Protein backbone atom coordinates (compact mmCIF):
# COMPACT_ATOMS: atom_id res chain seq x y z
CA MET A 1 -24.54 9.75 1.32
CA LYS A 2 -23.69 12.18 3.86
CA SER A 3 -24.58 16.03 2.94
CA GLY A 4 -22.05 17.74 0.84
CA SER A 5 -19.84 15.92 -2.01
CA SER A 6 -17.66 13.08 -1.38
CA TYR A 7 -14.51 12.67 -3.40
CA LEU A 8 -11.75 9.99 -4.04
CA TYR A 9 -7.96 10.70 -4.95
CA VAL A 10 -5.64 8.68 -6.77
CA SER A 11 -1.84 8.86 -7.70
CA SER A 12 -1.03 8.52 -11.21
CA ASN A 13 2.59 7.45 -10.29
CA ASN A 14 3.38 8.96 -13.36
CA HIS A 15 7.37 8.52 -14.05
CA ASN A 16 7.88 11.05 -16.83
CA TRP A 17 9.65 14.33 -16.13
CA ARG A 18 7.53 16.30 -13.57
CA SER A 19 4.36 14.48 -14.70
CA ASN A 20 3.29 12.90 -11.58
CA SER A 21 -0.07 14.00 -10.32
CA VAL A 22 -3.31 13.31 -8.43
CA ILE A 23 -6.30 12.74 -9.71
CA ALA A 24 -9.48 13.62 -8.36
CA TYR A 25 -13.01 11.93 -9.12
CA ARG A 26 -16.33 12.78 -7.56
CA ILE A 27 -18.02 9.83 -5.84
CA GLU A 28 -21.86 9.56 -7.06
CA LYS A 29 -24.38 7.06 -6.03
CA ASP A 30 -22.90 3.51 -5.74
CA GLY A 31 -19.46 4.82 -5.96
CA VAL A 32 -19.60 5.50 -9.61
CA LEU A 33 -16.58 8.04 -10.34
CA SER A 34 -16.93 11.44 -12.03
CA ALA A 35 -13.96 13.29 -12.86
CA ILE A 36 -14.20 16.92 -11.86
CA ASP A 37 -13.14 19.89 -14.02
CA GLN A 38 -9.48 20.32 -14.20
CA GLY A 39 -8.70 17.35 -12.01
CA HIS A 40 -5.18 16.55 -12.43
CA PHE A 41 -2.94 18.25 -9.79
CA LEU A 42 0.70 18.20 -10.48
CA THR A 43 2.99 16.89 -7.78
CA GLY A 44 6.20 18.74 -8.81
CA GLY A 45 8.12 15.23 -9.15
CA GLU A 46 8.17 12.07 -10.76
CA GLY A 47 6.79 8.59 -9.67
CA ILE A 48 8.28 4.88 -9.98
CA ASN A 49 9.14 3.29 -13.07
CA ASN A 50 8.37 -0.19 -12.27
CA ASN A 51 8.85 -1.74 -15.75
CA THR A 52 10.71 -5.22 -14.33
CA HIS A 53 9.45 -8.14 -16.58
CA GLY A 54 5.73 -9.44 -15.27
CA LYS A 55 6.96 -8.64 -11.51
CA LEU A 56 4.27 -7.33 -9.06
CA GLY A 57 6.98 -5.84 -6.96
CA PRO A 58 9.91 -5.08 -6.32
CA ASN A 59 8.28 -1.30 -5.52
CA ASP A 60 5.87 -2.60 -2.99
CA ASN A 61 4.48 0.10 -0.82
CA ASP A 62 1.09 0.97 1.07
CA THR A 63 -0.69 4.47 1.90
CA PRO A 64 1.51 6.34 -0.54
CA LEU A 65 -1.20 8.84 -0.62
CA LEU A 66 -3.01 10.17 2.67
CA ILE A 67 -5.51 12.50 3.99
CA ASP A 68 -5.38 14.16 7.31
CA ARG A 69 -8.31 13.57 10.18
CA ARG A 70 -9.06 17.16 9.89
CA ARG A 71 -9.58 16.90 6.11
CA ARG A 72 -7.21 19.61 5.42
CA LEU A 73 -4.34 18.47 3.82
CA LEU A 74 -3.24 15.39 1.37
CA PHE A 75 -0.14 13.96 0.94
CA VAL A 76 1.67 11.74 -1.77
CA VAL A 77 5.10 10.47 -2.11
CA ASN A 78 7.26 11.33 -5.67
CA GLY A 79 8.94 7.98 -5.35
CA HIS A 80 11.92 8.83 -7.83
CA SER A 81 12.25 12.11 -7.07
CA ASP A 82 12.66 11.43 -3.17
CA SER A 83 10.04 14.15 -2.23
CA ILE A 84 6.52 14.11 -0.71
CA ALA A 85 3.84 16.94 -2.47
CA ILE A 86 1.49 18.43 -0.08
CA PHE A 87 -1.77 19.96 -0.82
CA ALA A 88 -4.60 22.05 0.49
CA ILE A 89 -8.14 20.14 -0.15
CA LYS A 90 -10.27 22.99 -1.26
CA GLN A 91 -14.01 22.70 -0.73
CA ASP A 92 -14.63 21.88 -4.13
CA GLY A 93 -12.60 18.55 -3.75
CA LYS A 94 -9.88 20.57 -5.47
CA LEU A 95 -6.00 20.77 -4.49
CA LYS A 96 -3.72 23.46 -4.36
CA ALA A 97 -0.04 22.88 -3.17
CA VAL A 98 1.25 24.48 0.05
CA ASP A 99 4.00 26.92 -0.36
CA GLY A 100 7.43 24.70 -0.53
CA SER A 101 5.90 21.83 -1.87
CA PRO A 102 7.52 19.27 -2.84
CA PHE A 103 9.37 18.86 0.29
CA HIS A 104 12.62 15.93 0.72
CA ALA A 105 11.31 12.61 1.97
CA GLY A 106 14.57 12.44 3.95
CA GLY A 107 15.98 9.47 2.01
CA ILE A 108 15.57 7.84 -1.19
CA MET A 109 12.29 6.53 -2.81
CA PRO A 110 9.48 7.27 -0.24
CA ASN A 111 6.88 5.12 -0.39
CA SER A 112 4.20 5.08 2.81
CA LEU A 113 3.01 7.96 4.81
CA ALA A 114 1.37 8.03 8.34
CA LEU A 115 0.07 10.79 10.97
CA SER A 116 0.89 10.94 14.21
CA GLY A 117 -0.95 13.96 15.45
CA GLU A 118 0.80 16.70 13.99
CA THR A 119 3.90 14.24 12.91
CA LEU A 120 4.54 13.13 9.68
CA LEU A 121 5.78 9.61 9.46
CA VAL A 122 7.47 8.47 6.30
CA SER A 123 9.23 5.24 5.08
CA ASN A 124 11.63 5.28 2.23
CA ARG A 125 12.16 2.01 0.70
CA ASN A 126 15.65 2.83 -1.14
CA GLU A 127 14.68 0.60 -4.06
CA ASP A 128 14.72 2.61 -7.32
CA TYR A 129 16.44 -0.01 -9.71
CA HIS A 130 17.16 3.07 -12.11
CA ARG A 131 19.57 4.46 -9.74
CA LEU A 132 21.62 1.57 -8.32
CA LYS A 133 24.42 3.79 -7.14
CA GLU A 134 22.63 5.69 -4.98
CA LEU A 135 21.09 2.98 -3.54
CA ARG A 136 23.96 1.14 -2.45
CA GLU A 137 25.51 4.42 -0.90
CA GLU A 138 22.35 4.81 1.54
CA ALA A 139 20.15 2.75 3.74
CA ALA A 140 16.63 2.71 3.51
CA CYS A 141 15.06 4.43 6.78
CA TYR A 142 11.91 5.56 8.57
CA ALA A 143 11.82 9.32 9.35
CA SER A 144 9.37 11.75 11.02
CA PHE A 145 8.53 15.57 10.11
CA ARG A 146 7.23 18.31 12.03
CA LEU A 147 3.85 19.45 10.18
CA THR A 148 2.90 22.87 10.52
CA ASN A 149 -0.83 24.43 10.12
CA SER A 150 0.31 25.85 6.71
CA GLY A 151 1.32 22.38 5.64
CA GLU A 152 4.86 22.67 5.51
CA ILE A 153 7.21 19.99 7.06
CA SER A 154 10.64 20.12 8.35
CA LEU A 155 12.75 16.69 9.56
CA ILE A 156 12.86 15.55 13.11
CA SER A 157 14.50 12.20 13.15
CA LYS A 158 15.60 9.53 11.12
CA VAL A 159 15.85 5.47 12.02
CA PRO A 160 17.89 3.72 9.56
CA VAL A 161 16.90 -0.09 8.36
CA ALA A 162 19.45 -2.39 9.18
CA GLY A 163 20.45 -5.34 7.36
CA LYS A 164 19.58 -3.48 3.84
CA ASN A 165 15.77 -4.63 4.22
CA LYS A 166 13.46 -2.85 2.25
CA PRO A 167 10.15 -1.01 4.21
CA THR A 168 6.73 -1.31 2.42
CA GLN A 169 4.60 0.48 5.11
CA ILE A 170 4.77 2.82 8.10
CA LEU A 171 1.55 2.63 10.11
CA VAL A 172 0.32 4.76 13.32
CA ALA A 173 -1.71 2.47 15.53
CA ASN A 174 -5.66 3.66 15.80
CA TYR A 175 -5.47 2.53 19.24
CA ASP A 176 -2.77 4.47 20.39
CA PRO A 177 -1.36 7.19 17.86
CA SER A 178 1.89 7.36 19.78
CA ILE A 179 2.88 3.83 18.84
CA ALA A 180 3.72 3.06 15.39
CA PHE A 181 4.57 -0.17 12.97
CA GLY A 182 6.88 -0.39 10.21
CA ASN A 183 7.33 -3.69 8.17
CA ASP A 184 10.11 -4.38 5.59
CA PHE A 185 11.83 -7.19 4.26
CA GLN A 186 14.97 -8.18 2.07
CA VAL A 187 14.32 -10.27 -1.48
CA ASP A 188 17.45 -10.41 -3.38
CA ALA A 189 16.36 -12.23 -6.26
CA ASP A 190 17.15 -11.69 -9.80
CA PHE A 191 13.56 -10.38 -10.69
CA ASP A 192 14.28 -10.00 -14.38
CA GLY A 193 16.05 -12.93 -15.16
CA GLY A 194 18.82 -11.26 -16.77
CA GLY A 195 21.96 -10.87 -14.49
CA SER A 196 22.57 -8.73 -11.62
CA ARG A 197 19.95 -5.85 -11.60
CA SER A 198 18.09 -6.83 -8.41
CA PHE A 199 20.94 -7.69 -6.10
CA LEU A 200 21.10 -4.75 -4.28
CA ALA A 201 22.25 -6.30 -0.82
CA GLY A 202 25.03 -8.35 -2.16
CA GLU A 203 25.60 -11.36 -4.55
CA GLN A 204 23.65 -14.06 -3.04
CA PRO A 205 20.00 -14.62 -2.75
CA SER A 206 18.73 -13.60 0.55
CA VAL A 207 15.24 -13.45 2.18
CA GLN A 208 13.99 -12.01 5.50
CA GLY A 209 11.18 -9.89 6.92
CA GLN A 210 10.44 -8.17 10.21
CA ILE A 211 8.23 -5.68 11.83
CA HIS A 212 9.25 -2.59 13.86
CA SER A 213 7.59 -0.91 16.86
CA PHE A 214 8.23 2.68 17.42
CA LYS A 215 7.30 5.19 19.87
CA VAL A 216 6.31 8.73 18.82
CA SER A 217 7.49 11.12 21.31
CA THR A 218 5.62 14.33 22.06
CA GLY A 219 7.98 16.19 19.98
CA GLY A 220 7.77 13.85 17.05
CA GLU A 221 11.16 11.99 17.38
CA LEU A 222 10.58 8.30 16.09
CA LYS A 223 12.31 5.80 18.23
CA GLU A 224 12.32 2.36 17.65
CA VAL A 225 11.56 0.23 20.88
CA GLY A 226 11.66 -3.33 19.23
CA VAL A 227 11.82 -5.76 16.13
CA VAL A 228 10.49 -9.16 15.22
CA GLN A 229 11.41 -11.58 12.79
CA LEU A 230 8.02 -13.28 11.53
CA ILE A 231 7.25 -16.45 12.90
CA GLU A 232 7.04 -19.63 10.30
CA THR A 233 3.47 -20.59 10.81
CA ASN A 234 2.30 -22.74 8.08
CA ALA A 235 3.77 -26.49 8.95
CA LEU A 236 2.97 -28.01 5.49
CA TYR A 237 5.54 -25.82 3.75
CA ARG A 238 7.98 -27.42 5.96
CA TYR A 239 6.39 -30.62 5.38
CA LEU A 240 7.15 -30.12 1.79
CA GLY A 241 10.58 -29.27 2.22
CA MET A 242 10.09 -25.36 1.76
CA ASP A 243 11.79 -24.09 4.54
CA ASN A 244 13.39 -21.46 2.60
CA VAL A 245 9.82 -19.76 1.83
CA PRO A 246 9.77 -17.16 4.57
CA SER A 247 6.67 -15.40 6.00
CA LEU A 248 7.36 -12.15 4.59
CA PRO A 249 5.35 -9.03 5.81
CA LEU A 250 3.24 -7.11 3.20
CA GLY A 251 0.20 -5.17 4.50
CA LEU A 252 -0.35 -3.83 7.76
CA TRP A 253 -3.60 -3.10 9.60
CA SER A 254 -4.35 -1.96 13.10
CA HIS A 255 -7.65 -2.59 14.84
CA PRO A 256 -9.95 0.50 15.32
CA SER A 257 -10.18 0.12 19.21
CA LYS A 258 -8.11 -2.58 20.31
CA ASN A 259 -4.32 -3.05 20.64
CA ILE A 260 -4.20 -5.50 17.68
CA LEU A 261 -2.07 -5.14 14.67
CA TYR A 262 -2.76 -7.41 11.66
CA VAL A 263 -0.27 -8.58 9.21
CA GLY A 264 -0.53 -10.13 5.55
CA PHE A 265 1.77 -12.99 5.43
CA VAL A 266 2.24 -12.70 1.46
CA THR A 267 4.20 -15.52 0.56
CA ARG A 268 2.08 -18.03 3.32
CA ASN A 269 -1.25 -16.54 2.18
CA GLU A 270 -2.51 -16.12 5.87
CA LEU A 271 -3.40 -13.56 8.02
CA GLY A 272 -0.97 -12.94 10.82
CA VAL A 273 -2.39 -11.45 14.33
CA TYR A 274 -0.45 -9.64 16.90
CA THR A 275 -1.19 -7.80 19.98
CA PHE A 276 0.82 -4.86 21.46
CA SER A 277 1.65 -3.35 24.63
CA ASP A 278 1.55 0.50 25.99
CA SER A 279 5.26 0.32 24.96
CA GLY A 280 4.45 -0.97 21.66
CA GLN A 281 5.90 -4.38 22.27
CA LEU A 282 4.40 -7.17 19.98
CA GLU A 283 3.26 -10.47 20.74
CA PHE A 284 2.29 -13.20 18.50
CA ARG A 285 -1.12 -14.51 18.64
CA GLY A 286 -1.42 -16.65 15.62
CA SER A 287 -2.54 -16.64 11.98
CA VAL A 288 -5.52 -17.60 9.79
CA PRO A 289 -5.77 -18.73 6.31
CA ASN A 290 -6.58 -16.57 3.47
CA SER A 291 -8.29 -17.91 0.37
CA GLY A 292 -6.53 -15.58 -1.90
CA GLN A 293 -3.10 -15.66 -3.56
CA ASP A 294 -0.65 -13.43 -2.13
CA ILE A 295 -2.56 -11.41 0.28
CA CYS A 296 -0.94 -8.02 0.27
CA TRP A 297 -3.23 -4.92 1.74
CA LEU A 298 -5.48 -4.72 4.75
CA LEU A 299 -8.16 -2.36 5.86
CA SER A 300 -10.78 -2.45 8.62
CA ASN A 301 -13.87 -0.65 8.78
CA SER A 302 -14.28 2.02 11.50
CA ALA A 303 -17.03 -0.46 13.49
CA GLY A 304 -14.02 -3.03 13.91
CA ASP A 305 -16.35 -6.14 12.89
CA ARG A 306 -15.04 -6.34 9.26
CA LEU A 307 -11.67 -6.70 7.77
CA TYR A 308 -10.82 -6.37 3.92
CA THR A 309 -8.10 -7.89 2.43
CA ILE A 310 -6.52 -7.59 -1.47
CA ASN A 311 -5.18 -10.51 -2.95
CA ASN A 312 -2.43 -9.71 -5.86
CA LEU A 313 -2.72 -13.04 -8.10
CA PRO A 314 -5.38 -15.82 -9.13
CA ARG A 315 -5.37 -18.94 -6.57
CA ASP A 316 -5.32 -21.74 -9.18
CA GLU A 317 -7.23 -24.34 -6.85
CA HIS A 318 -10.01 -22.07 -6.67
CA GLY A 319 -10.06 -21.41 -10.27
CA ASP A 320 -9.55 -17.75 -10.07
CA GLY A 321 -8.65 -15.71 -13.19
CA GLY A 322 -7.57 -12.33 -11.42
CA SER A 323 -7.11 -10.66 -7.95
CA THR A 324 -9.36 -11.55 -5.19
CA VAL A 325 -10.97 -9.48 -2.08
CA THR A 326 -11.63 -11.15 1.05
CA THR A 327 -13.68 -10.26 3.90
CA TYR A 328 -13.05 -11.59 7.39
CA ASP A 329 -15.42 -11.25 10.65
CA ILE A 330 -13.55 -9.63 13.45
CA SER A 331 -16.48 -8.77 15.48
CA GLY A 332 -15.86 -9.39 19.45
CA GLU A 333 -13.60 -12.48 20.13
CA LYS A 334 -13.10 -13.01 16.59
CA ALA A 335 -10.77 -10.04 16.33
CA LEU A 336 -8.03 -12.50 17.52
CA LYS A 337 -8.94 -14.77 15.47
CA PRO A 338 -10.38 -13.73 12.32
CA VAL A 339 -13.05 -15.84 10.24
CA GLU A 340 -13.14 -15.35 6.48
CA VAL A 341 -16.86 -15.07 5.32
CA HIS A 342 -16.66 -13.97 1.75
CA ARG A 343 -14.67 -13.59 -1.34
CA ILE A 344 -14.81 -12.02 -4.60
CA GLU A 345 -12.65 -11.93 -7.88
CA LEU A 346 -11.97 -8.92 -9.66
CA PRO A 347 -12.10 -8.95 -13.53
CA CYS A 348 -8.61 -8.84 -15.30
CA THR A 349 -9.28 -6.75 -18.13
CA ALA A 350 -5.65 -7.06 -19.36
CA PRO A 351 -4.39 -10.26 -21.19
CA THR A 352 -2.77 -12.69 -19.53
CA PHE A 353 0.84 -13.41 -20.62
CA ARG A 354 4.16 -15.31 -19.38
CA ASN A 355 6.55 -13.75 -17.47
CA ASN A 356 10.36 -14.18 -17.28
CA ARG A 357 9.96 -17.22 -15.39
CA ASN A 358 7.46 -18.89 -18.04
CA LEU A 359 4.31 -18.31 -15.36
CA LEU A 360 1.05 -17.39 -16.86
CA GLN A 361 -0.33 -14.57 -14.88
CA PRO A 362 -2.81 -11.99 -15.75
CA GLY A 363 -1.59 -8.66 -16.97
CA SER A 364 -3.22 -6.46 -14.15
CA THR A 365 -3.50 -7.16 -10.85
CA ALA A 366 -5.26 -5.47 -7.61
CA PHE A 367 -2.91 -3.12 -5.81
CA GLN A 368 -4.26 -1.06 -2.91
CA CYS A 369 -7.91 -0.03 -1.31
CA CYS A 370 -9.81 2.57 0.57
CA LEU A 371 -13.47 2.93 1.85
CA SER A 372 -16.02 5.68 1.05
CA PRO A 373 -16.69 8.04 3.83
CA ASP A 374 -19.84 6.57 4.25
CA GLU A 375 -18.03 2.94 4.11
CA ASP A 376 -20.84 1.80 1.70
CA VAL A 377 -18.41 1.16 -1.27
CA LEU A 378 -14.89 -0.41 -1.17
CA PHE A 379 -12.40 1.17 -3.99
CA VAL A 380 -9.68 -1.04 -5.17
CA VAL A 381 -6.92 0.09 -7.84
CA CYS A 382 -5.27 -2.11 -10.39
CA GLN A 383 -2.19 -1.96 -12.08
CA ARG A 384 -0.96 -2.81 -15.67
CA ILE A 385 1.93 -5.10 -14.55
CA ASN A 386 2.82 -6.38 -18.10
CA GLN A 387 5.10 -3.59 -18.90
CA THR A 388 7.38 -5.38 -21.66
CA GLN A 389 7.55 -3.75 -24.91
CA GLU A 390 5.82 -6.62 -26.65
CA ASN A 391 2.61 -5.36 -24.83
CA THR A 392 0.65 -3.20 -26.48
CA ALA A 393 -2.79 -3.66 -25.08
CA PRO A 394 -3.86 -0.52 -23.33
CA GLU A 395 -5.89 -1.99 -20.62
CA GLY A 396 -5.13 -2.67 -17.07
CA ASN A 397 -4.74 0.62 -14.91
CA ARG A 398 -8.49 0.73 -13.38
CA ILE A 399 -10.43 1.62 -10.05
CA TYR A 400 -13.10 -0.87 -9.11
CA SER A 401 -16.14 0.14 -7.20
CA LEU A 402 -17.46 -2.57 -4.85
CA LYS A 403 -20.84 -2.17 -3.12
CA ILE A 404 -20.94 -3.02 0.24
CA ASP A 405 -23.85 -4.83 1.60
CA ASP A 406 -25.78 -4.47 4.92
CA ARG A 407 -23.55 -7.44 6.30
CA GLY A 408 -20.26 -5.07 5.38
CA ILE A 409 -19.34 -7.44 2.57
CA PRO A 410 -18.10 -6.15 -0.72
CA SER A 411 -20.23 -8.46 -2.56
CA GLN A 412 -20.68 -6.87 -6.11
CA ILE A 413 -18.77 -4.81 -8.27
CA SER A 414 -20.87 -1.91 -8.92
CA SER A 415 -18.73 -0.02 -11.59
CA SER A 416 -15.25 0.84 -12.89
CA ARG A 417 -13.09 3.44 -14.04
CA ASP A 418 -10.33 3.36 -16.67
CA LEU A 419 -7.27 5.13 -15.50
CA GLN A 420 -6.22 5.57 -19.36
CA ASP A 421 -8.96 7.53 -20.19
CA ASP A 422 -8.28 9.79 -17.52
CA GLY A 423 -4.66 10.58 -19.11
CA VAL A 424 -2.68 7.58 -17.19
CA PRO A 425 -0.19 6.14 -19.72
CA VAL A 426 -0.17 2.67 -19.55
CA THR A 427 3.73 2.30 -18.69
CA CYS A 428 2.50 4.08 -15.21
CA ARG A 429 1.24 2.20 -12.36
CA PRO A 430 -1.22 4.14 -10.50
CA GLN A 431 -1.29 3.89 -6.40
CA GLY A 432 -2.47 5.16 -3.36
CA LEU A 433 -6.07 5.78 -2.74
CA ALA A 434 -7.93 8.29 -0.29
CA THR A 435 -11.58 9.62 0.10
CA ILE A 436 -13.09 12.57 1.71
CA GLN A 437 -16.22 14.07 2.44
CA LEU A 438 -16.58 17.87 2.40
């Protein structure tokens, strides 16, 4: 470890009244997490109550919790409260809410955050099923905010999302922070099997996915410069007559030093590769297979030679019992054609169950990830997804620590932390991870 202490933060996503919080842990050897004294920091709002019957979504998101590069501030969403909480990070790892926090997010249900210099970018998903009337009156959007030295934010611009698509992420390019990307999709299907609750964009089932390109001006204005529909990449699906299965985007990551954007094609079990110009225009360069099921979240190391993907569900043909983590080699020329070099399965501590479609699935699945400051541990947060009344088992909300070997591969699980022991109610789905070394 580097000198000083390292900390990990996770959002409880607590949907009870004014109970959402950020939980802080000290990172010990091999990624073991120890709770710090008084380590629950209330955000002043509520998270999302995702109590759909055995559904991973519909409230898909990435980077709902973020730390700035100067290691001064932590940002986290209050999805149900339509707000963003901002904390100053103290030297002992504790958090202190900045004046005025939480701040309005500029839309309904903020779910992803990114920073372009002193500009905070937010995606507002507009998909809280407990507020159907509000959702039908306002579109989802991407927004930009001016960030002051004291941590306060003020709205600069908004880009509405046409077609009633639902954003999952906003991402600033590592290669050029004046370029940003957003991904969103529309899946109007009956998630619960009980009527029209999930039909937010119309009465007919409809599916489509797209990626937006943005430029961030020196004044912080967010301007859309392009949008692409995802390319159908897998000929096997068409051969089987499954033309209605689209390449939905879930999970974006940019190469740390090249103009390359990686995209998880969640419904295709493929990793898509795009390059982008100085103006932010995207060009599709191909896709490669992923051995997991439902590739959703992506992350590379700072050296730019390894890319990690979190895959939600078990892959039947591999005999999986739970979620998986796959590692790609993206060094050199492989940056444009990644090569999968490893996969590891995460234990499923929650009992399996049959969802509303009578499909057997694990009661808990991996959701998001982050690296330790030294990049020798990969942390993965898992959510308890069986939120049916008949599920009385408390297990499922957990953080796994995966030790990364000298090849850059998370080859073994070194420890885990049960979030119920840290006060996260079993009906909540914790989300968002970030680490810092102080």
